[in-house]
Each structure stands twice: as structure tokens, then as C-alpha cells.
C-alpha atoms as a PDB file:
ATOM      1  CA  MET A   1      -5.067 -18.776  -0.705  1.00  0.00           C
ATOM      2  CA  LEU A   2      -4.662 -19.308  -4.459  1.00  0.00           C
ATOM      3  CA  ASP A   3      -2.674 -22.498  -3.882  1.00  0.00           C
ATOM      4  CA  ILE A   4      -5.433 -23.973  -1.722  1.00  0.00           C
ATOM      5  CA  LEU A   5      -8.158 -23.049  -4.240  1.00  0.00           C
ATOM      6  CA  ALA A   6      -6.175 -24.672  -7.055  1.00  0.00           C
ATOM      7  CA  GLU A   7      -5.328 -27.729  -4.942  1.00  0.00           C
ATOM      8  CA  ARG A   8      -9.011 -28.233  -4.080  1.00  0.00           C
ATOM      9  CA  ARG A   9      -9.988 -27.656  -7.745  1.00  0.00           C
ATOM     10  CA  PHE A  10     -12.341 -24.831  -6.796  1.00  0.00           C
ATOM     11  CA  PRO A  11     -14.756 -24.417  -9.745  1.00  0.00           C
ATOM     12  CA  VAL A  12     -14.018 -21.032 -11.305  1.00  0.00           C
ATOM     13  CA  SER A  13     -14.266 -19.619 -14.798  1.00  0.00           C
ATOM     14  CA  GLU A  14     -11.818 -16.800 -14.033  1.00  0.00           C
ATOM     15  CA  VAL A  15      -9.480 -15.813 -11.215  1.00  0.00           C
ATOM     16  CA  VAL A  16      -8.241 -12.230 -10.955  1.00  0.00           C
ATOM     17  CA  ALA A  17      -5.287 -11.300  -8.772  1.00  0.00           C
ATOM     18  CA  LEU A  18      -5.598  -7.763  -7.415  1.00  0.00           C
ATOM     19  CA  ALA A  19      -2.944  -5.753  -5.615  1.00  0.00           C
ATOM     20  CA  SER A  20      -1.973  -2.311  -4.406  1.00  0.00           C
ATOM     21  CA  SER A  21      -0.153   0.042  -6.764  1.00  0.00           C
ATOM     22  CA  ARG A  22       3.308  -1.111  -5.666  1.00  0.00           C
ATOM     23  CA  SER A  23       2.569  -4.717  -6.696  1.00  0.00           C
ATOM     24  CA  ILE A  24       0.915  -4.124 -10.083  1.00  0.00           C
ATOM     25  CA  GLY A  25       2.351  -6.429 -12.716  1.00  0.00           C
ATOM     26  CA  GLN A  26       3.794  -8.925 -10.255  1.00  0.00           C
ATOM     27  CA  GLU A  27       3.019 -12.509 -11.151  1.00  0.00           C
ATOM     28  CA  VAL A  28       1.300 -15.081  -8.937  1.00  0.00           C
ATOM     29  CA  SER A  29       0.480 -18.681  -9.730  1.00  0.00           C
ATOM     30  CA  PHE A  30      -2.921 -20.329  -9.706  1.00  0.00           C
ATOM     31  CA  GLY A  31      -2.612 -24.012 -10.515  1.00  0.00           C
ATOM     32  CA  ASP A  32      -0.820 -24.219 -13.863  1.00  0.00           C
ATOM     33  CA  LYS A  33      -1.598 -20.577 -14.715  1.00  0.00           C
ATOM     34  CA  ILE A  34       0.396 -17.422 -14.088  1.00  0.00           C
ATOM     35  CA  LEU A  35      -1.680 -14.339 -13.231  1.00  0.00           C
ATOM     36  CA  LYS A  36      -0.459 -10.751 -13.422  1.00  0.00           C
ATOM     37  CA  CYS A  37      -1.672  -8.590 -10.557  1.00  0.00           C
ATOM     38  CA  ARG A  38      -4.110  -5.872 -11.556  1.00  0.00           C
ATOM     39  CA  HIS A  39      -4.742  -2.610  -9.713  1.00  0.00           C
ATOM     40  CA  LEU A  40      -7.185  -3.064  -6.836  1.00  0.00           C
ATOM     41  CA  ASP A  41      -8.287   0.574  -6.721  1.00  0.00           C
ATOM     42  CA  THR A  42      -9.503   0.625 -10.334  1.00  0.00           C
ATOM     43  CA  TYR A  43     -10.920  -2.897 -10.653  1.00  0.00           C
ATOM     44  CA  ASP A  44     -14.637  -3.099 -11.536  1.00  0.00           C
ATOM     45  CA  PHE A  45     -16.283  -5.658  -9.226  1.00  0.00           C
ATOM     46  CA  THR A  46     -19.616  -5.543 -11.114  1.00  0.00           C
ATOM     47  CA  ASP A  47     -19.462  -9.117 -12.482  1.00  0.00           C
ATOM     48  CA  THR A  48     -17.552 -10.585  -9.527  1.00  0.00           C
ATOM     49  CA  ASP A  49     -19.408 -13.391  -7.740  1.00  0.00           C
ATOM     50  CA  ILE A  50     -16.886 -14.190  -4.991  1.00  0.00           C
ATOM     51  CA  CYS A  51     -14.135 -12.002  -3.595  1.00  0.00           C
ATOM     52  CA  LEU A  52     -11.519 -13.272  -1.127  1.00  0.00           C
ATOM     53  CA  MET A  53      -9.446 -10.507   0.464  1.00  0.00           C
ATOM     54  CA  SER A  54      -6.624 -10.190   2.929  1.00  0.00           C
ATOM     55  CA  ALA A  55      -5.885  -6.831   4.536  1.00  0.00           C
ATOM     56  CA  ALA A  56      -2.228  -5.851   4.531  1.00  0.00           C
ATOM     57  CA  ALA A  57      -0.730  -4.812   7.849  1.00  0.00           C
ATOM     58  CA  THR A  58      -0.022  -1.321   6.494  1.00  0.00           C
ATOM     59  CA  PHE A  59      -3.709  -0.788   5.742  1.00  0.00           C
ATOM     60  CA  ARG A  60      -4.717  -1.873   9.232  1.00  0.00           C
ATOM     61  CA  ALA A  61      -1.991   0.209  10.873  1.00  0.00           C
ATOM     62  CA  ASN A  62      -2.970   3.342   8.944  1.00  0.00           C
ATOM     63  CA  GLY A  63      -6.667   2.886   9.678  1.00  0.00           C
ATOM     64  CA  ARG A  64      -7.477   2.830   5.973  1.00  0.00           C
ATOM     65  CA  ARG A  65     -10.804   1.199   5.143  1.00  0.00           C
ATOM     66  CA  GLY A  66      -9.466  -0.563   2.072  1.00  0.00           C
ATOM     67  CA  SER A  67     -11.547  -1.885  -0.816  1.00  0.00           C
ATOM     68  CA  ALA A  68     -13.822  -4.375   0.923  1.00  0.00           C
ATOM     69  CA  PRO A  69     -16.736  -1.883   1.234  1.00  0.00           C
ATOM     70  CA  ARG A  70     -16.399  -0.948  -2.462  1.00  0.00           C
ATOM     71  CA  ALA A  71     -16.303  -4.623  -3.500  1.00  0.00           C
ATOM     72  CA  ALA A  72     -19.423  -5.359  -1.432  1.00  0.00           C
ATOM     73  CA  SER A  73     -21.536  -2.612  -2.956  1.00  0.00           C
END
């Protein structure tokens, strides 16, 4: 997803990579930038204009609602 946004030069002022607790600190690339994954459960979505999410298979299998409802509020 990040590769496509960078390739299409999606106009953003900031991109934040969020992850579950086991992936905190991992690095992902966005264009020529390297982003460190932040904790999804504690991220404040207040000033977030657009949020693109992908549900992990473990969340779906466990019936967990995830963070989409919190991000939308």
C-alpha cells in the first residue's frame, strides 16, 4: 500500500506506519523515507485525515474488532 502511494506521489504532509505490539519499531519504506512502526492501540487519530487499514488474519480469526471503529470516531 505504501509503495503504491509513493509511486503515485500521493500528496501527504505526513505518513504514519502503525502496527500491533509485536511489530513496534520495525521499519517500513515510503518512497525515499524509512518509517518506524508506532503502536496502533495508543495512537491518537485526532488530527488524522485519511486512514488506510488492513486487518490481519489473526484479528479476523479471533473475532477481534480491531482499531477501525476507534479511528473512525
